[in-house]
PDB file of N, CA and C in Angstrom:
ATOM      1  N   MET A   1      -4.315 -39.312 -16.155  1.00  0.00           N
ATOM      2  CA  MET A   1      -3.679 -38.797 -17.261  1.00  0.00           C
ATOM      3  C   MET A   1      -3.385 -37.511 -17.168  1.00  0.00           C
ATOM      4  N   SER A   2      -2.449 -36.901 -17.525  1.00  0.00           N
ATOM      5  CA  SER A   2      -2.264 -35.719 -17.483  1.00  0.00           C
ATOM      6  C   SER A   2      -1.923 -35.070 -19.194  1.00  0.00           C
ATOM      7  N   LEU A   3      -2.649 -34.320 -19.897  1.00  0.00           N
ATOM      8  CA  LEU A   3      -2.396 -34.061 -21.016  1.00  0.00           C
ATOM      9  C   LEU A   3      -2.144 -32.584 -21.068  1.00  0.00           C
ATOM     10  N   LYS A   4      -0.969 -32.164 -21.440  1.00  0.00           N
ATOM     11  CA  LYS A   4      -0.867 -30.441 -21.463  1.00  0.00           C
ATOM     12  C   LYS A   4      -0.148 -30.427 -22.822  1.00  0.00           C
ATOM     13  N   VAL A   5      -1.175 -29.651 -23.639  1.00  0.00           N
ATOM     14  CA  VAL A   5      -1.016 -29.311 -25.042  1.00  0.00           C
ATOM     15  C   VAL A   5      -1.286 -27.945 -25.627  1.00  0.00           C
ATOM     16  N   LYS A   6      -0.399 -27.341 -26.310  1.00  0.00           N
ATOM     17  CA  LYS A   6      -0.605 -26.144 -26.967  1.00  0.00           C
ATOM     18  C   LYS A   6      -1.427 -26.150 -28.267  1.00  0.00           C
ATOM     19  N   ILE A   7      -2.410 -25.658 -28.594  1.00  0.00           N
ATOM     20  CA  ILE A   7      -3.226 -26.149 -29.758  1.00  0.00           C
ATOM     21  C   ILE A   7      -2.999 -24.812 -30.372  1.00  0.00           C
ATOM     22  N   GLN A   8      -2.726 -25.047 -31.942  1.00  0.00           N
ATOM     23  CA  GLN A   8      -2.709 -23.896 -32.945  1.00  0.00           C
ATOM     24  C   GLN A   8      -3.886 -24.055 -34.043  1.00  0.00           C
ATOM     25  N   ASP A   9      -4.785 -23.092 -33.906  1.00  0.00           N
ATOM     26  CA  ASP A   9      -5.745 -23.319 -35.073  1.00  0.00           C
ATOM     27  C   ASP A   9      -5.361 -22.386 -35.906  1.00  0.00           C
ATOM     28  N   ARG A  10      -4.583 -23.044 -36.961  1.00  0.00           N
ATOM     29  CA  ARG A  10      -4.147 -22.451 -38.067  1.00  0.00           C
ATOM     30  C   ARG A  10      -5.254 -22.117 -39.335  1.00  0.00           C
ATOM     31  N   ASP A  11      -5.044 -21.811 -40.286  1.00  0.00           N
ATOM     32  CA  ASP A  11      -5.917 -21.569 -41.555  1.00  0.00           C
ATOM     33  C   ASP A  11      -6.807 -22.828 -41.936  1.00  0.00           C
ATOM     34  N   LYS A  12      -5.908 -23.757 -42.355  1.00  0.00           N
ATOM     35  CA  LYS A  12      -6.571 -25.044 -42.719  1.00  0.00           C
ATOM     36  C   LYS A  12      -6.123 -26.513 -42.141  1.00  0.00           C
ATOM     37  N   GLU A  13      -5.795 -26.171 -40.904  1.00  0.00           N
ATOM     38  CA  GLU A  13      -5.063 -27.151 -39.668  1.00  0.00           C
ATOM     39  C   GLU A  13      -5.041 -26.864 -38.497  1.00  0.00           C
ATOM     40  N   VAL A  14      -5.222 -27.898 -37.645  1.00  0.00           N
ATOM     41  CA  VAL A  14      -5.107 -27.740 -36.084  1.00  0.00           C
ATOM     42  C   VAL A  14      -3.976 -28.480 -35.977  1.00  0.00           C
ATOM     43  N   VAL A  15      -3.136 -27.782 -35.038  1.00  0.00           N
ATOM     44  CA  VAL A  15      -1.565 -28.708 -34.543  1.00  0.00           C
ATOM     45  C   VAL A  15      -1.753 -28.448 -32.969  1.00  0.00           C
ATOM     46  N   GLY A  16      -1.396 -29.630 -32.396  1.00  0.00           N
ATOM     47  CA  GLY A  16      -1.261 -29.891 -30.997  1.00  0.00           C
ATOM     48  C   GLY A  16       0.290 -30.151 -30.543  1.00  0.00           C
ATOM     49  N   LYS A  17       1.036 -29.557 -29.858  1.00  0.00           N
ATOM     50  CA  LYS A  17       1.915 -30.159 -29.326  1.00  0.00           C
ATOM     51  C   LYS A  17       2.168 -30.078 -27.906  1.00  0.00           C
ATOM     52  N   GLY A  18       2.715 -31.057 -26.914  1.00  0.00           N
ATOM     53  CA  GLY A  18       2.740 -30.849 -25.932  1.00  0.00           C
ATOM     54  C   GLY A  18       3.406 -32.665 -25.132  1.00  0.00           C
ATOM     55  N   THR A  19       2.916 -32.816 -23.962  1.00  0.00           N
ATOM     56  CA  THR A  19       3.273 -34.110 -23.296  1.00  0.00           C
ATOM     57  C   THR A  19       1.976 -34.784 -22.726  1.00  0.00           C
ATOM     58  N   ILE A  20       2.187 -35.941 -22.378  1.00  0.00           N
ATOM     59  CA  ILE A  20       1.291 -36.831 -21.495  1.00  0.00           C
ATOM     60  C   ILE A  20       2.140 -37.155 -20.498  1.00  0.00           C
ATOM     61  N   ASP A  21       1.298 -37.142 -19.124  1.00  0.00           N
ATOM     62  CA  ASP A  21       1.878 -37.499 -17.905  1.00  0.00           C
ATOM     63  C   ASP A  21       3.179 -36.614 -17.589  1.00  0.00           C
ATOM     64  N   GLY A  22       3.454 -35.375 -18.384  1.00  0.00           N
ATOM     65  CA  GLY A  22       4.499 -34.883 -18.194  1.00  0.00           C
ATOM     66  C   GLY A  22       5.832 -34.913 -18.966  1.00  0.00           C
ATOM     67  N   VAL A  23       5.990 -36.151 -19.151  1.00  0.00           N
ATOM     68  CA  VAL A  23       7.247 -36.741 -20.093  1.00  0.00           C
ATOM     69  C   VAL A  23       7.300 -37.197 -21.309  1.00  0.00           C
ATOM     70  N   VAL A  24       5.751 -37.731 -21.718  1.00  0.00           N
ATOM     71  CA  VAL A  24       5.723 -38.679 -22.872  1.00  0.00           C
ATOM     72  C   VAL A  24       5.364 -37.275 -24.009  1.00  0.00           C
ATOM     73  N   PRO A  25       6.174 -37.130 -25.190  1.00  0.00           N
ATOM     74  CA  PRO A  25       6.183 -36.428 -26.097  1.00  0.00           C
ATOM     75  C   PRO A  25       4.607 -36.512 -26.891  1.00  0.00           C
ATOM     76  N   PHE A  26       4.019 -35.624 -27.174  1.00  0.00           N
ATOM     77  CA  PHE A  26       2.555 -35.764 -27.748  1.00  0.00           C
ATOM     78  C   PHE A  26       2.695 -34.721 -29.253  1.00  0.00           C
ATOM     79  N   TYR A  27       2.085 -35.045 -30.280  1.00  0.00           N
ATOM     80  CA  TYR A  27       2.338 -34.305 -31.640  1.00  0.00           C
ATOM     81  C   TYR A  27       0.956 -34.788 -32.284  1.00  0.00           C
ATOM     82  N   PHE A  28      -0.090 -33.733 -32.565  1.00  0.00           N
ATOM     83  CA  PHE A  28      -1.164 -33.891 -33.184  1.00  0.00           C
ATOM     84  C   PHE A  28      -1.406 -33.031 -34.426  1.00  0.00           C
ATOM     85  N   LYS A  29      -1.670 -33.302 -35.751  1.00  0.00           N
ATOM     86  CA  LYS A  29      -2.028 -32.527 -36.721  1.00  0.00           C
ATOM     87  C   LYS A  29      -3.509 -33.105 -37.354  1.00  0.00           C
ATOM     88  N   ASP A  30      -4.407 -32.117 -37.527  1.00  0.00           N
ATOM     89  CA  ASP A  30      -5.513 -32.499 -38.391  1.00  0.00           C
ATOM     90  C   ASP A  30      -5.757 -31.362 -39.357  1.00  0.00           C
ATOM     91  N   GLN A  31      -5.899 -32.097 -40.820  1.00  0.00           N
ATOM     92  CA  GLN A  31      -5.944 -31.175 -41.849  1.00  0.00           C
ATOM     93  C   GLN A  31      -7.219 -31.145 -42.260  1.00  0.00           C
ATOM     94  N   GLY A  32      -8.199 -31.723 -41.742  1.00  0.00           N
ATOM     95  CA  GLY A  32      -9.646 -31.842 -42.189  1.00  0.00           C
ATOM     96  C   GLY A  32      -9.822 -33.082 -42.857  1.00  0.00           C
ATOM     97  N   HIS A  33      -9.176 -33.375 -44.131  1.00  0.00           N
ATOM     98  CA  HIS A  33      -9.361 -34.797 -44.875  1.00  0.00           C
ATOM     99  C   HIS A  33      -8.500 -35.838 -44.298  1.00  0.00           C
ATOM    100  N   ARG A  34      -7.340 -35.538 -43.303  1.00  0.00           N
ATOM    101  CA  ARG A  34      -6.495 -36.563 -42.736  1.00  0.00           C
ATOM    102  C   ARG A  34      -5.939 -35.910 -41.565  1.00  0.00           C
ATOM    103  N   TRP A  35      -5.803 -36.754 -40.524  1.00  0.00           N
ATOM    104  CA  TRP A  35      -4.973 -36.620 -39.535  1.00  0.00           C
ATOM    105  C   TRP A  35      -4.175 -37.426 -38.840  1.00  0.00           C
ATOM    106  N   MET A  36      -3.422 -36.996 -38.047  1.00  0.00           N
ATOM    107  CA  MET A  36      -2.070 -38.112 -37.495  1.00  0.00           C
ATOM    108  C   MET A  36      -2.142 -37.708 -35.965  1.00  0.00           C
ATOM    109  N   VAL A  37      -1.296 -38.634 -35.119  1.00  0.00           N
ATOM    110  CA  VAL A  37      -0.823 -38.236 -34.069  1.00  0.00           C
ATOM    111  C   VAL A  37       0.400 -39.020 -33.584  1.00  0.00           C
ATOM    112  N   ARG A  38       1.236 -38.472 -32.951  1.00  0.00           N
ATOM    113  CA  ARG A  38       2.302 -39.371 -32.706  1.00  0.00           C
ATOM    114  C   ARG A  38       2.543 -39.199 -31.174  1.00  0.00           C
ATOM    115  N   ILE A  39       2.721 -40.398 -30.327  1.00  0.00           N
ATOM    116  CA  ILE A  39       3.032 -40.181 -28.917  1.00  0.00           C
ATOM    117  C   ILE A  39       4.240 -40.917 -28.675  1.00  0.00           C
ATOM    118  N   GLY A  40       5.087 -40.402 -27.932  1.00  0.00           N
ATOM    119  CA  GLY A  40       6.559 -41.097 -27.438  1.00  0.00           C
ATOM    120  C   GLY A  40       7.131 -41.030 -28.744  1.00  0.00           C
ATOM    121  N   GLN A  41       8.047 -42.172 -28.696  1.00  0.00           N
ATOM    122  CA  GLN A  41       9.086 -42.093 -29.877  1.00  0.00           C
ATOM    123  C   GLN A  41       8.781 -43.158 -30.891  1.00  0.00           C
ATOM    124  N   ASN A  42       7.664 -43.831 -30.644  1.00  0.00           N
ATOM    125  CA  ASN A  42       7.466 -45.056 -31.617  1.00  0.00           C
ATOM    126  C   ASN A  42       5.885 -45.351 -31.916  1.00  0.00           C
ATOM    127  N   TRP A  43       5.181 -44.531 -31.219  1.00  0.00           N
ATOM    128  CA  TRP A  43       3.682 -44.759 -31.691  1.00  0.00           C
ATOM    129  C   TRP A  43       2.963 -43.728 -32.579  1.00  0.00           C
ATOM    130  N   THR A  44       2.713 -43.979 -33.654  1.00  0.00           N
ATOM    131  CA  THR A  44       2.056 -43.034 -34.659  1.00  0.00           C
ATOM    132  C   THR A  44       0.612 -43.717 -34.994  1.00  0.00           C
ATOM    133  N   PHE A  45      -0.355 -42.596 -35.214  1.00  0.00           N
ATOM    134  CA  PHE A  45      -1.697 -43.247 -35.834  1.00  0.00           C
ATOM    135  C   PHE A  45      -2.061 -42.175 -36.846  1.00  0.00           C
ATOM    136  N   LYS A  46      -2.485 -42.687 -37.926  1.00  0.00           N
ATOM    137  CA  LYS A  46      -2.768 -41.745 -39.227  1.00  0.00           C
ATOM    138  C   LYS A  46      -4.306 -42.364 -39.665  1.00  0.00           C
ATOM    139  N   GLU A  47      -4.948 -41.321 -40.117  1.00  0.00           N
ATOM    140  CA  GLU A  47      -6.498 -41.566 -40.693  1.00  0.00           C
ATOM    141  C   GLU A  47      -6.635 -40.725 -41.631  1.00  0.00           C
ATOM    142  N   ARG A  48      -7.289 -41.190 -42.736  1.00  0.00           N
ATOM    143  CA  ARG A  48      -7.990 -40.203 -43.740  1.00  0.00           C
ATOM    144  C   ARG A  48      -9.552 -40.064 -43.312  1.00  0.00           C
ATOM    145  N   ASP A  49     -10.041 -38.921 -43.408  1.00  0.00           N
ATOM    146  CA  ASP A  49     -11.446 -39.095 -43.430  1.00  0.00           C
ATOM    147  C   ASP A  49     -12.248 -39.198 -44.818  1.00  0.00           C
ATOM    148  N   LEU A  50     -13.293 -39.556 -44.562  1.00  0.00           N
ATOM    149  CA  LEU A  50     -14.189 -39.765 -45.588  1.00  0.00           C
ATOM    150  C   LEU A  50     -14.568 -38.539 -46.572  1.00  0.00           C
ATOM    151  N   VAL A  51     -14.801 -37.492 -45.893  1.00  0.00           N
ATOM    152  CA  VAL A  51     -15.118 -36.305 -46.680  1.00  0.00           C
ATOM    153  C   VAL A  51     -13.830 -35.494 -46.884  1.00  0.00           C
ATOM    154  N   ASP A  52     -13.520 -35.354 -48.259  1.00  0.00           N
ATOM    155  CA  ASP A  52     -12.444 -34.454 -48.631  1.00  0.00           C
ATOM    156  C   ASP A  52     -12.701 -32.825 -48.447  1.00  0.00           C
ATOM    157  N   GLY A  53     -11.478 -32.135 -48.158  1.00  0.00           N
ATOM    158  CA  GLY A  53     -12.084 -30.866 -48.205  1.00  0.00           C
ATOM    159  C   GLY A  53     -12.544 -30.133 -46.811  1.00  0.00           C
ATOM    160  N   SER A  54     -12.901 -30.966 -46.116  1.00  0.00           N
ATOM    161  CA  SER A  54     -13.326 -30.477 -44.549  1.00  0.00           C
ATOM    162  C   SER A  54     -12.488 -29.537 -43.961  1.00  0.00           C
ATOM    163  N   THR A  55     -12.769 -28.469 -43.412  1.00  0.00           N
ATOM    164  CA  THR A  55     -12.040 -27.732 -42.562  1.00  0.00           C
ATOM    165  C   THR A  55     -12.099 -28.232 -41.031  1.00  0.00           C
ATOM    166  N   PRO A  56     -11.007 -28.536 -40.423  1.00  0.00           N
ATOM    167  CA  PRO A  56     -11.088 -29.047 -39.021  1.00  0.00           C
ATOM    168  C   PRO A  56     -11.512 -28.220 -38.042  1.00  0.00           C
ATOM    169  N   SER A  57     -12.133 -28.587 -36.991  1.00  0.00           N
ATOM    170  CA  SER A  57     -12.726 -27.677 -35.851  1.00  0.00           C
ATOM    171  C   SER A  57     -11.738 -28.042 -34.638  1.00  0.00           C
ATOM    172  N   LEU A  58     -11.846 -27.096 -33.779  1.00  0.00           N
ATOM    173  CA  LEU A  58     -10.983 -27.569 -32.471  1.00  0.00           C
ATOM    174  C   LEU A  58     -11.715 -28.693 -31.486  1.00  0.00           C
ATOM    175  N   SER A  59     -13.138 -28.704 -31.552  1.00  0.00           N
ATOM    176  CA  SER A  59     -13.743 -29.646 -30.814  1.00  0.00           C
ATOM    177  C   SER A  59     -13.807 -31.101 -31.561  1.00  0.00           C
ATOM    178  N   ALA A  60     -13.745 -31.027 -32.663  1.00  0.00           N
ATOM    179  CA  ALA A  60     -13.409 -32.381 -33.547  1.00  0.00           C
ATOM    180  C   ALA A  60     -12.072 -32.771 -32.926  1.00  0.00           C
ATOM    181  N   ALA A  61     -11.175 -31.916 -33.062  1.00  0.00           N
ATOM    182  CA  ALA A  61      -9.472 -32.323 -33.002  1.00  0.00           C
ATOM    183  C   ALA A  61      -9.284 -32.813 -31.603  1.00  0.00           C
ATOM    184  N   ARG A  62     -10.012 -32.117 -30.506  1.00  0.00           N
ATOM    185  CA  ARG A  62      -9.810 -32.605 -29.124  1.00  0.00           C
ATOM    186  C   ARG A  62     -10.374 -33.959 -28.946  1.00  0.00           C
ATOM    187  N   ASN A  63     -11.569 -34.235 -29.489  1.00  0.00           N
ATOM    188  CA  ASN A  63     -12.138 -35.534 -29.685  1.00  0.00           C
ATOM    189  C   ASN A  63     -10.951 -36.623 -30.241  1.00  0.00           C
ATOM    190  N   LYS A  64     -10.396 -36.413 -31.176  1.00  0.00           N
ATOM    191  CA  LYS A  64      -9.426 -37.321 -31.825  1.00  0.00           C
ATOM    192  C   LYS A  64      -8.266 -37.610 -30.925  1.00  0.00           C
ATOM    193  N   MET A  65      -7.851 -36.447 -30.535  1.00  0.00           N
ATOM    194  CA  MET A  65      -6.679 -36.361 -29.570  1.00  0.00           C
ATOM    195  C   MET A  65      -6.748 -37.344 -28.279  1.00  0.00           C
ATOM    196  N   TYR A  66      -8.002 -37.203 -27.816  1.00  0.00           N
ATOM    197  CA  TYR A  66      -8.147 -38.128 -26.252  1.00  0.00           C
ATOM    198  C   TYR A  66      -8.548 -39.641 -26.747  1.00  0.00           C
ATOM    199  N   TRP A  67      -9.059 -39.490 -28.057  1.00  0.00           N
ATOM    200  CA  TRP A  67      -9.350 -40.775 -28.623  1.00  0.00           C
ATOM    201  C   TRP A  67      -7.970 -41.667 -28.752  1.00  0.00           C
ATOM    202  N   ALA A  68      -7.283 -40.861 -29.525  1.00  0.00           N
ATOM    203  CA  ALA A  68      -5.939 -41.549 -29.825  1.00  0.00           C
ATOM    204  C   ALA A  68      -5.079 -42.065 -28.714  1.00  0.00           C
ATOM    205  N   ILE A  69      -5.086 -41.126 -27.600  1.00  0.00           N
ATOM    206  CA  ILE A  69      -4.527 -41.409 -26.268  1.00  0.00           C
ATOM    207  C   ILE A  69      -5.062 -42.729 -25.601  1.00  0.00           C
ATOM    208  N   ALA A  70      -6.366 -42.824 -25.992  1.00  0.00           N
ATOM    209  CA  ALA A  70      -7.087 -44.074 -25.224  1.00  0.00           C
ATOM    210  C   ALA A  70      -6.567 -44.995 -25.872  1.00  0.00           C
ATOM    211  N   GLN A  71      -6.394 -45.180 -27.155  1.00  0.00           N
ATOM    212  CA  GLN A  71      -6.008 -46.333 -27.980  1.00  0.00           C
ATOM    213  C   GLN A  71      -4.437 -46.317 -27.640  1.00  0.00           C
ATOM    214  N   PHE A  72      -3.743 -45.551 -27.443  1.00  0.00           N
ATOM    215  CA  PHE A  72      -2.216 -45.699 -27.020  1.00  0.00           C
ATOM    216  C   PHE A  72      -1.935 -46.242 -25.724  1.00  0.00           C
ATOM    217  N   ARG A  73      -2.922 -46.026 -24.583  1.00  0.00           N
ATOM    218  CA  ARG A  73      -2.925 -46.669 -23.366  1.00  0.00           C
ATOM    219  C   ARG A  73      -3.565 -47.983 -23.620  1.00  0.00           C
ATOM    220  N   ASN A  74      -4.351 -48.209 -24.272  1.00  0.00           N
ATOM    221  CA  ASN A  74      -4.967 -49.657 -24.370  1.00  0.00           C
ATOM    222  C   ASN A  74      -4.075 -50.523 -25.142  1.00  0.00           C
ATOM    223  N   GLN A  75      -3.211 -49.932 -26.014  1.00  0.00           N
ATOM    224  CA  GLN A  75      -2.132 -50.789 -26.889  1.00  0.00           C
ATOM    225  C   GLN A  75      -0.862 -51.038 -25.796  1.00  0.00           C
ATOM    226  N   SER A  76      -0.515 -50.164 -25.068  1.00  0.00           N
ATOM    227  CA  SER A  76       0.413 -49.976 -24.086  1.00  0.00           C
ATOM    228  C   SER A  76       0.299 -51.136 -23.233  1.00  0.00           C
ATOM    229  N   ARG A  77      -1.016 -50.943 -22.618  1.00  0.00           N
ATOM    230  CA  ARG A  77      -1.268 -52.211 -21.541  1.00  0.00           C
ATOM    231  C   ARG A  77      -1.401 -53.498 -21.774  1.00  0.00           C
ATOM    232  N   ASP A  78      -1.851 -53.649 -23.142  1.00  0.00           N
ATOM    233  CA  ASP A  78      -1.662 -55.017 -23.794  1.00  0.00           C
ATOM    234  C   ASP A  78      -0.646 -55.479 -23.883  1.00  0.00           C
ATOM    235  N   VAL A  79       0.526 -54.635 -24.356  1.00  0.00           N
ATOM    236  CA  VAL A  79       1.945 -55.196 -24.428  1.00  0.00           C
ATOM    237  C   VAL A  79       2.624 -55.737 -23.274  1.00  0.00           C
ATOM    238  N   THR A  80       2.169 -54.685 -22.204  1.00  0.00           N
ATOM    239  CA  THR A  80       2.813 -54.952 -20.917  1.00  0.00           C
ATOM    240  C   THR A  80       2.164 -56.150 -20.345  1.00  0.00           C
ATOM    241  N   CYS A  81       0.930 -56.429 -20.356  1.00  0.00           N
ATOM    242  CA  CYS A  81       0.303 -57.690 -20.141  1.00  0.00           C
ATOM    243  C   CYS A  81       0.749 -59.007 -20.777  1.00  0.00           C
ATOM    244  N   ALA A  82       1.097 -58.819 -22.011  1.00  0.00           N
ATOM    245  CA  ALA A  82       1.379 -60.005 -22.790  1.00  0.00           C
ATOM    246  C   ALA A  82       2.732 -60.841 -22.488  1.00  0.00           C
TER     247      ALA A  82
END
């Protein structure tokens, strides 16, 4: 797996834009109290965090990105095998 992403650590959010495997579009946004990731044209994951008002960190954002990519890969593999 190859993830190439530019991460912007803004005032109250972390945004990542790039590609997976050189061709699959990747977009990530973490606002502390909620985050989302979009991979390709059709796969989106959104989640609200239990703690409101928290400030996102780069390390937490990276962990969420890799977790979301793993979920995307697992779901893609399950659809292909079915």
